[in-house]
Amino acid sequence: MLSVVALVAVASFQTPAPIRGFPRSLVADEVRREQTARLVPHPDTLRAQLRALSAEPHEAGTERSRRVAEQILARFRAFGLDARIEQFDALMPRPVARTLELVAPERYTAQLQEPRCRRTPPRRRRPRSSPPSTPTRRTAT
């Protein structure tokens, strides 16, 4: 009985088990692709990365945007990818003031600020890195 188990174990290492829907000649390639797919990060890892990248606002053209791009670049390079950051000039118009008024049938001026959710931590406001309606550097990865 022990010799039969050992024989089955040795045979399984030599030839991959058949997979329904694949010709025997393509099974090894499919097994390799499935093993590669299993190396994709765990959802918890992805969730942690998303939280780290979105912890603070990073509007295009700001220093925070540049830091986020550099973090992503480092991850791509850690995966062995030949990656680089390219910069593009872009006009980023920003409003000087925001108002919303209803003038009829009665005059009403909206607050334009939503109430905070209980579980959402307050965001820190940062000064803008450039004045409104000026060309800024947009960072792309």
N, C-alpha and C. Protein backbone atom coordinates (compact mmCIF):
# COMPACT_ATOMS: atom_id res chain seq x y z
N MET A 1 0.83 -1.19 0.00
CA MET A 1 0.00 0.00 0.00
C MET A 1 0.87 1.25 0.00
N LEU A 2 1.93 1.26 0.81
CA LEU A 2 2.82 2.41 0.90
C LEU A 2 3.53 2.66 -0.43
N SER A 3 3.90 1.60 -1.14
CA SER A 3 4.58 1.76 -2.42
C SER A 3 3.64 2.36 -3.47
N VAL A 4 2.35 2.04 -3.41
CA VAL A 4 1.37 2.59 -4.35
C VAL A 4 1.22 4.09 -4.10
N VAL A 5 1.17 4.53 -2.85
CA VAL A 5 1.05 5.95 -2.52
C VAL A 5 2.28 6.70 -3.00
N ALA A 6 3.48 6.11 -2.80
CA ALA A 6 4.71 6.75 -3.24
C ALA A 6 4.75 6.86 -4.75
N LEU A 7 4.28 5.82 -5.45
CA LEU A 7 4.25 5.83 -6.91
C LEU A 7 3.30 6.92 -7.41
N VAL A 8 2.14 7.07 -6.80
CA VAL A 8 1.17 8.09 -7.19
C VAL A 8 1.76 9.48 -6.94
N ALA A 9 2.47 9.67 -5.82
CA ALA A 9 3.06 10.97 -5.51
C ALA A 9 4.14 11.33 -6.52
N VAL A 10 4.98 10.39 -6.91
CA VAL A 10 6.03 10.64 -7.90
C VAL A 10 5.41 10.95 -9.24
N ALA A 11 4.38 10.23 -9.63
CA ALA A 11 3.73 10.46 -10.92
C ALA A 11 3.07 11.83 -10.97
N SER A 12 2.53 12.30 -9.84
CA SER A 12 1.86 13.59 -9.85
C SER A 12 2.84 14.74 -10.02
N PHE A 13 4.11 14.56 -9.60
CA PHE A 13 5.11 15.61 -9.78
C PHE A 13 5.59 15.67 -11.23
N GLN A 14 5.54 14.56 -11.92
CA GLN A 14 6.05 14.52 -13.28
C GLN A 14 5.07 15.13 -14.28
N THR A 15 3.82 14.80 -14.19
CA THR A 15 2.82 15.27 -15.14
C THR A 15 1.69 15.94 -14.39
N PRO A 16 1.36 17.17 -14.76
CA PRO A 16 0.23 17.81 -14.08
C PRO A 16 -1.06 17.06 -14.35
N ALA A 17 -1.95 17.09 -13.36
CA ALA A 17 -3.23 16.41 -13.52
C ALA A 17 -4.01 17.07 -14.64
N PRO A 18 -4.79 16.30 -15.38
CA PRO A 18 -5.55 16.89 -16.47
C PRO A 18 -6.57 17.90 -15.94
N ILE A 19 -6.76 18.96 -16.69
CA ILE A 19 -7.74 19.97 -16.34
C ILE A 19 -8.82 19.92 -17.41
N ARG A 20 -10.04 19.82 -16.99
CA ARG A 20 -11.15 19.73 -17.93
C ARG A 20 -11.16 20.96 -18.84
N GLY A 21 -11.23 20.74 -20.13
CA GLY A 21 -11.29 21.83 -21.09
C GLY A 21 -9.95 22.23 -21.67
N PHE A 22 -8.85 21.61 -21.22
CA PHE A 22 -7.53 21.93 -21.75
C PHE A 22 -6.89 20.68 -22.32
N PRO A 23 -6.32 20.77 -23.51
CA PRO A 23 -5.58 19.62 -24.03
C PRO A 23 -4.36 19.34 -23.15
N ARG A 24 -3.95 18.12 -23.07
CA ARG A 24 -2.83 17.74 -22.21
C ARG A 24 -1.57 18.56 -22.52
N SER A 25 -1.38 18.95 -23.76
CA SER A 25 -0.18 19.70 -24.14
C SER A 25 -0.18 21.12 -23.54
N LEU A 26 -1.34 21.65 -23.14
CA LEU A 26 -1.43 23.01 -22.61
C LEU A 26 -1.64 23.07 -21.10
N VAL A 27 -1.74 21.90 -20.45
CA VAL A 27 -2.02 21.87 -19.02
C VAL A 27 -0.90 22.53 -18.23
N ALA A 28 0.35 22.24 -18.57
CA ALA A 28 1.48 22.80 -17.82
C ALA A 28 1.47 24.33 -17.90
N ASP A 29 1.18 24.87 -19.09
CA ASP A 29 1.10 26.33 -19.24
C ASP A 29 -0.02 26.90 -18.39
N GLU A 30 -1.16 26.24 -18.38
CA GLU A 30 -2.30 26.73 -17.59
C GLU A 30 -2.01 26.67 -16.10
N VAL A 31 -1.37 25.61 -15.65
CA VAL A 31 -1.01 25.49 -14.23
C VAL A 31 -0.06 26.63 -13.85
N ARG A 32 0.91 26.94 -14.73
CA ARG A 32 1.85 28.04 -14.47
C ARG A 32 1.11 29.37 -14.39
N ARG A 33 0.14 29.61 -15.30
CA ARG A 33 -0.63 30.85 -15.27
C ARG A 33 -1.45 30.96 -13.98
N GLU A 34 -2.04 29.86 -13.56
CA GLU A 34 -2.83 29.87 -12.32
C GLU A 34 -1.96 30.13 -11.10
N GLN A 35 -0.76 29.56 -11.08
CA GLN A 35 0.15 29.81 -9.96
C GLN A 35 0.57 31.28 -9.94
N THR A 36 0.80 31.86 -11.10
CA THR A 36 1.14 33.29 -11.18
C THR A 36 -0.02 34.14 -10.69
N ALA A 37 -1.23 33.78 -11.07
CA ALA A 37 -2.41 34.54 -10.64
C ALA A 37 -2.58 34.47 -9.12
N ARG A 38 -2.19 33.38 -8.52
CA ARG A 38 -2.31 33.25 -7.06
C ARG A 38 -1.32 34.15 -6.31
N LEU A 39 -0.33 34.67 -7.02
CA LEU A 39 0.65 35.56 -6.40
C LEU A 39 0.13 36.99 -6.28
N VAL A 40 -1.05 37.25 -6.83
CA VAL A 40 -1.65 38.59 -6.74
C VAL A 40 -1.87 38.90 -5.26
N PRO A 41 -1.65 40.14 -4.86
CA PRO A 41 -1.77 40.47 -3.43
C PRO A 41 -3.13 40.12 -2.85
N HIS A 42 -3.11 39.82 -1.60
CA HIS A 42 -4.32 39.51 -0.84
C HIS A 42 -5.18 40.77 -0.74
N PRO A 43 -6.50 40.64 -0.71
CA PRO A 43 -7.36 41.82 -0.59
C PRO A 43 -7.01 42.74 0.58
N ASP A 44 -6.54 42.17 1.69
CA ASP A 44 -6.15 43.01 2.83
C ASP A 44 -4.94 43.88 2.49
N THR A 45 -4.01 43.32 1.70
CA THR A 45 -2.84 44.10 1.28
C THR A 45 -3.27 45.23 0.35
N LEU A 46 -4.17 44.92 -0.58
CA LEU A 46 -4.68 45.95 -1.48
C LEU A 46 -5.41 47.04 -0.71
N ARG A 47 -6.20 46.63 0.28
CA ARG A 47 -6.95 47.60 1.09
C ARG A 47 -5.99 48.53 1.84
N ALA A 48 -4.92 47.97 2.40
CA ALA A 48 -3.94 48.77 3.12
C ALA A 48 -3.23 49.74 2.18
N GLN A 49 -2.90 49.28 0.98
CA GLN A 49 -2.26 50.16 0.00
C GLN A 49 -3.19 51.30 -0.41
N LEU A 50 -4.45 50.98 -0.64
CA LEU A 50 -5.42 52.00 -1.02
C LEU A 50 -5.57 53.04 0.07
N ARG A 51 -5.63 52.59 1.32
CA ARG A 51 -5.74 53.54 2.44
C ARG A 51 -4.50 54.43 2.53
N ALA A 52 -3.33 53.86 2.32
CA ALA A 52 -2.09 54.65 2.39
C ALA A 52 -2.04 55.70 1.28
N LEU A 53 -2.47 55.31 0.07
CA LEU A 53 -2.42 56.24 -1.05
C LEU A 53 -3.50 57.31 -0.98
N SER A 54 -4.62 57.01 -0.33
CA SER A 54 -5.72 57.97 -0.29
C SER A 54 -5.89 58.62 1.08
N ALA A 55 -4.89 58.51 1.93
CA ALA A 55 -4.99 59.08 3.28
C ALA A 55 -5.11 60.60 3.26
N GLU A 56 -4.49 61.22 2.28
CA GLU A 56 -4.56 62.68 2.14
C GLU A 56 -4.92 63.00 0.69
N PRO A 57 -5.56 64.14 0.47
CA PRO A 57 -5.86 64.54 -0.91
C PRO A 57 -4.56 64.70 -1.71
N HIS A 58 -4.61 64.34 -2.99
CA HIS A 58 -3.42 64.50 -3.84
C HIS A 58 -3.86 64.98 -5.23
N GLU A 59 -4.29 66.20 -5.27
CA GLU A 59 -4.73 66.82 -6.52
C GLU A 59 -3.55 66.90 -7.49
N ALA A 60 -3.82 66.70 -8.76
CA ALA A 60 -2.78 66.72 -9.78
C ALA A 60 -1.97 68.01 -9.69
N GLY A 61 -0.67 67.87 -9.80
CA GLY A 61 0.21 69.02 -9.79
C GLY A 61 0.71 69.44 -8.43
N THR A 62 0.25 68.79 -7.37
CA THR A 62 0.68 69.16 -6.02
C THR A 62 1.85 68.28 -5.58
N GLU A 63 2.51 68.69 -4.51
CA GLU A 63 3.62 67.91 -3.97
C GLU A 63 3.14 66.54 -3.48
N ARG A 64 1.95 66.49 -2.89
CA ARG A 64 1.40 65.20 -2.43
C ARG A 64 1.18 64.26 -3.62
N SER A 65 0.74 64.81 -4.75
CA SER A 65 0.56 63.99 -5.95
C SER A 65 1.90 63.40 -6.39
N ARG A 66 2.94 64.18 -6.30
CA ARG A 66 4.27 63.71 -6.67
C ARG A 66 4.71 62.58 -5.74
N ARG A 67 4.47 62.73 -4.44
CA ARG A 67 4.85 61.68 -3.48
C ARG A 67 4.09 60.38 -3.75
N VAL A 68 2.80 60.49 -4.07
CA VAL A 68 2.01 59.29 -4.38
C VAL A 68 2.56 58.62 -5.64
N ALA A 69 2.88 59.41 -6.65
CA ALA A 69 3.45 58.85 -7.89
C ALA A 69 4.77 58.13 -7.60
N GLU A 70 5.60 58.71 -6.74
CA GLU A 70 6.88 58.08 -6.41
C GLU A 70 6.69 56.80 -5.61
N GLN A 71 5.67 56.74 -4.75
CA GLN A 71 5.38 55.51 -4.03
C GLN A 71 4.95 54.40 -5.00
N ILE A 72 4.10 54.75 -5.94
CA ILE A 72 3.65 53.76 -6.93
C ILE A 72 4.81 53.33 -7.81
N LEU A 73 5.65 54.26 -8.20
CA LEU A 73 6.84 53.94 -9.00
C LEU A 73 7.73 52.94 -8.26
N ALA A 74 7.94 53.17 -6.98
CA ALA A 74 8.77 52.25 -6.18
C ALA A 74 8.15 50.86 -6.15
N ARG A 75 6.82 50.77 -6.03
CA ARG A 75 6.16 49.46 -6.04
C ARG A 75 6.34 48.76 -7.39
N PHE A 76 6.15 49.50 -8.49
CA PHE A 76 6.32 48.90 -9.82
C PHE A 76 7.74 48.38 -10.00
N ARG A 77 8.72 49.17 -9.55
CA ARG A 77 10.11 48.73 -9.69
C ARG A 77 10.39 47.53 -8.81
N ALA A 78 9.75 47.46 -7.63
CA ALA A 78 9.92 46.30 -6.75
C ALA A 78 9.38 45.03 -7.41
N PHE A 79 8.39 45.19 -8.30
CA PHE A 79 7.84 44.05 -9.03
C PHE A 79 8.71 43.69 -10.23
N GLY A 80 9.79 44.44 -10.45
CA GLY A 80 10.68 44.16 -11.57
C GLY A 80 10.28 44.85 -12.86
N LEU A 81 9.37 45.81 -12.79
CA LEU A 81 8.94 46.51 -13.99
C LEU A 81 9.88 47.69 -14.27
N ASP A 82 10.10 47.95 -15.55
CA ASP A 82 10.88 49.11 -15.96
C ASP A 82 9.92 50.28 -16.04
N ALA A 83 9.79 51.03 -14.96
CA ALA A 83 8.80 52.10 -14.88
C ALA A 83 9.49 53.44 -14.67
N ARG A 84 8.82 54.50 -15.10
CA ARG A 84 9.33 55.86 -14.89
C ARG A 84 8.17 56.82 -14.78
N ILE A 85 8.44 58.00 -14.26
CA ILE A 85 7.43 59.04 -14.13
C ILE A 85 7.61 60.01 -15.29
N GLU A 86 6.53 60.30 -15.97
CA GLU A 86 6.55 61.31 -17.03
C GLU A 86 5.75 62.51 -16.56
N GLN A 87 6.19 63.70 -16.91
CA GLN A 87 5.49 64.91 -16.51
C GLN A 87 4.87 65.57 -17.73
N PHE A 88 3.68 66.15 -17.52
CA PHE A 88 2.96 66.84 -18.58
C PHE A 88 2.50 68.18 -18.04
N ASP A 89 2.57 69.21 -18.87
CA ASP A 89 2.03 70.51 -18.49
C ASP A 89 0.52 70.48 -18.70
N ALA A 90 -0.21 70.96 -17.70
CA ALA A 90 -1.67 70.97 -17.79
C ALA A 90 -2.19 72.23 -17.12
N LEU A 91 -3.24 72.79 -17.67
CA LEU A 91 -3.89 73.94 -17.05
C LEU A 91 -4.92 73.40 -16.07
N MET A 92 -4.76 73.74 -14.81
CA MET A 92 -5.63 73.24 -13.76
C MET A 92 -6.45 74.40 -13.20
N PRO A 93 -7.58 74.76 -13.82
CA PRO A 93 -8.37 75.88 -13.30
C PRO A 93 -8.99 75.51 -11.96
N ARG A 94 -8.87 76.42 -11.03
CA ARG A 94 -9.45 76.22 -9.70
C ARG A 94 -10.33 77.42 -9.39
N PRO A 95 -11.49 77.21 -8.84
CA PRO A 95 -12.37 78.35 -8.53
C PRO A 95 -11.81 79.19 -7.40
N VAL A 96 -12.03 80.50 -7.51
CA VAL A 96 -11.61 81.41 -6.46
C VAL A 96 -12.65 81.39 -5.34
N ALA A 97 -13.91 81.31 -5.73
CA ALA A 97 -15.00 81.24 -4.75
C ALA A 97 -16.11 80.36 -5.31
N ARG A 98 -16.88 79.76 -4.41
CA ARG A 98 -18.02 78.93 -4.82
C ARG A 98 -19.26 79.44 -4.12
N THR A 99 -20.30 79.69 -4.88
CA THR A 99 -21.59 80.09 -4.30
C THR A 99 -22.70 79.46 -5.11
N LEU A 100 -23.80 79.22 -4.42
CA LEU A 100 -25.00 78.73 -5.06
C LEU A 100 -26.16 79.47 -4.44
N GLU A 101 -26.88 80.23 -5.28
CA GLU A 101 -27.99 81.03 -4.77
C GLU A 101 -29.25 80.73 -5.57
N LEU A 102 -30.33 80.65 -4.87
CA LEU A 102 -31.66 80.56 -5.47
C LEU A 102 -32.26 81.95 -5.31
N VAL A 103 -32.70 82.56 -6.41
CA VAL A 103 -33.18 83.95 -6.33
C VAL A 103 -34.70 84.05 -6.37
N ALA A 104 -35.40 83.01 -6.78
CA ALA A 104 -36.85 83.07 -6.80
C ALA A 104 -37.40 81.67 -6.56
N PRO A 105 -38.49 81.44 -5.96
CA PRO A 105 -39.45 82.41 -5.46
C PRO A 105 -38.97 83.11 -4.19
N GLU A 106 -38.03 82.52 -3.43
CA GLU A 106 -37.43 83.25 -2.31
C GLU A 106 -35.93 83.15 -2.45
N ARG A 107 -35.26 84.08 -1.89
CA ARG A 107 -33.80 84.10 -1.97
C ARG A 107 -33.22 83.11 -0.95
N TYR A 108 -32.30 82.25 -1.43
CA TYR A 108 -31.67 81.25 -0.56
C TYR A 108 -30.22 81.08 -1.01
N THR A 109 -29.28 81.09 -0.08
CA THR A 109 -27.87 80.85 -0.38
C THR A 109 -27.47 79.53 0.29
N ALA A 110 -27.04 78.57 -0.52
CA ALA A 110 -26.66 77.25 -0.01
C ALA A 110 -25.30 77.32 0.69
N GLN A 111 -25.09 76.44 1.66
CA GLN A 111 -23.84 76.41 2.42
C GLN A 111 -22.69 75.76 1.64
N LEU A 112 -23.00 74.80 0.76
CA LEU A 112 -22.01 74.07 -0.04
C LEU A 112 -20.98 73.32 0.82
N GLN A 113 -21.42 72.88 1.97
CA GLN A 113 -20.56 72.06 2.82
C GLN A 113 -21.43 71.00 3.45
N GLU A 114 -21.07 69.75 3.23
CA GLU A 114 -21.85 68.65 3.77
C GLU A 114 -21.50 68.42 5.23
N PRO A 115 -22.47 67.94 6.01
CA PRO A 115 -22.14 67.59 7.40
C PRO A 115 -21.21 66.38 7.42
N ARG A 116 -20.33 66.32 8.40
CA ARG A 116 -19.39 65.21 8.53
C ARG A 116 -20.09 63.93 8.97
N CYS A 117 -19.65 62.83 8.41
CA CYS A 117 -20.10 61.53 8.88
C CYS A 117 -19.42 61.26 10.22
N ARG A 118 -20.07 60.50 11.06
CA ARG A 118 -19.50 60.24 12.39
C ARG A 118 -18.18 59.49 12.32
N ARG A 119 -18.02 58.57 11.37
CA ARG A 119 -16.82 57.76 11.32
C ARG A 119 -15.71 58.36 10.46
N THR A 120 -15.97 59.44 9.75
CA THR A 120 -14.98 60.03 8.88
C THR A 120 -14.11 61.00 9.67
N PRO A 121 -12.79 60.79 9.70
CA PRO A 121 -11.93 61.73 10.41
C PRO A 121 -11.87 63.06 9.65
N PRO A 122 -11.70 64.16 10.35
CA PRO A 122 -11.64 65.46 9.67
C PRO A 122 -10.41 65.55 8.78
N ARG A 123 -10.58 66.18 7.61
CA ARG A 123 -9.47 66.37 6.68
C ARG A 123 -8.72 67.64 7.04
N ARG A 124 -7.42 67.56 6.93
CA ARG A 124 -6.62 68.76 7.13
C ARG A 124 -6.59 69.53 5.82
N ARG A 125 -6.88 70.80 5.88
CA ARG A 125 -6.81 71.65 4.70
C ARG A 125 -5.37 72.08 4.50
N ARG A 126 -4.89 71.95 3.29
CA ARG A 126 -3.54 72.40 2.96
C ARG A 126 -3.64 73.59 2.04
N PRO A 127 -2.71 74.51 2.14
CA PRO A 127 -2.73 75.63 1.19
C PRO A 127 -2.45 75.12 -0.21
N ARG A 128 -3.02 75.79 -1.18
CA ARG A 128 -2.82 75.39 -2.57
C ARG A 128 -1.37 75.63 -2.96
N SER A 129 -0.87 74.74 -3.81
CA SER A 129 0.53 74.87 -4.21
C SER A 129 0.71 75.90 -5.32
N SER A 130 -0.36 76.29 -5.99
CA SER A 130 -0.25 77.29 -7.04
C SER A 130 -1.54 78.08 -7.10
N PRO A 131 -1.51 79.31 -7.61
CA PRO A 131 -2.72 80.12 -7.68
C PRO A 131 -3.69 79.54 -8.71
N PRO A 132 -4.96 79.92 -8.62
CA PRO A 132 -5.95 79.40 -9.56
C PRO A 132 -5.63 79.75 -11.00
N SER A 133 -6.02 78.84 -11.90
CA SER A 133 -5.92 79.04 -13.35
C SER A 133 -4.51 79.30 -13.84
N THR A 134 -3.53 78.64 -13.24
CA THR A 134 -2.18 78.74 -13.74
C THR A 134 -1.72 77.37 -14.15
N PRO A 135 -0.82 77.29 -15.14
CA PRO A 135 -0.34 75.97 -15.55
C PRO A 135 0.41 75.30 -14.41
N THR A 136 0.16 74.02 -14.21
CA THR A 136 0.87 73.26 -13.19
C THR A 136 1.42 72.01 -13.83
N ARG A 137 2.33 71.37 -13.15
CA ARG A 137 2.87 70.11 -13.62
C ARG A 137 1.94 69.01 -13.21
N ARG A 138 1.51 68.20 -14.15
CA ARG A 138 0.68 67.05 -13.83
C ARG A 138 1.55 65.83 -13.89
N THR A 139 1.51 65.02 -12.88
CA THR A 139 2.38 63.85 -12.77
C THR A 139 1.61 62.61 -13.18
N ALA A 140 2.20 61.82 -14.05
CA ALA A 140 1.58 60.56 -14.49
C ALA A 140 2.58 59.44 -14.29
N THR A 141 2.06 58.26 -14.00
CA THR A 141 2.93 57.09 -13.86
C THR A 141 2.68 56.14 -14.99
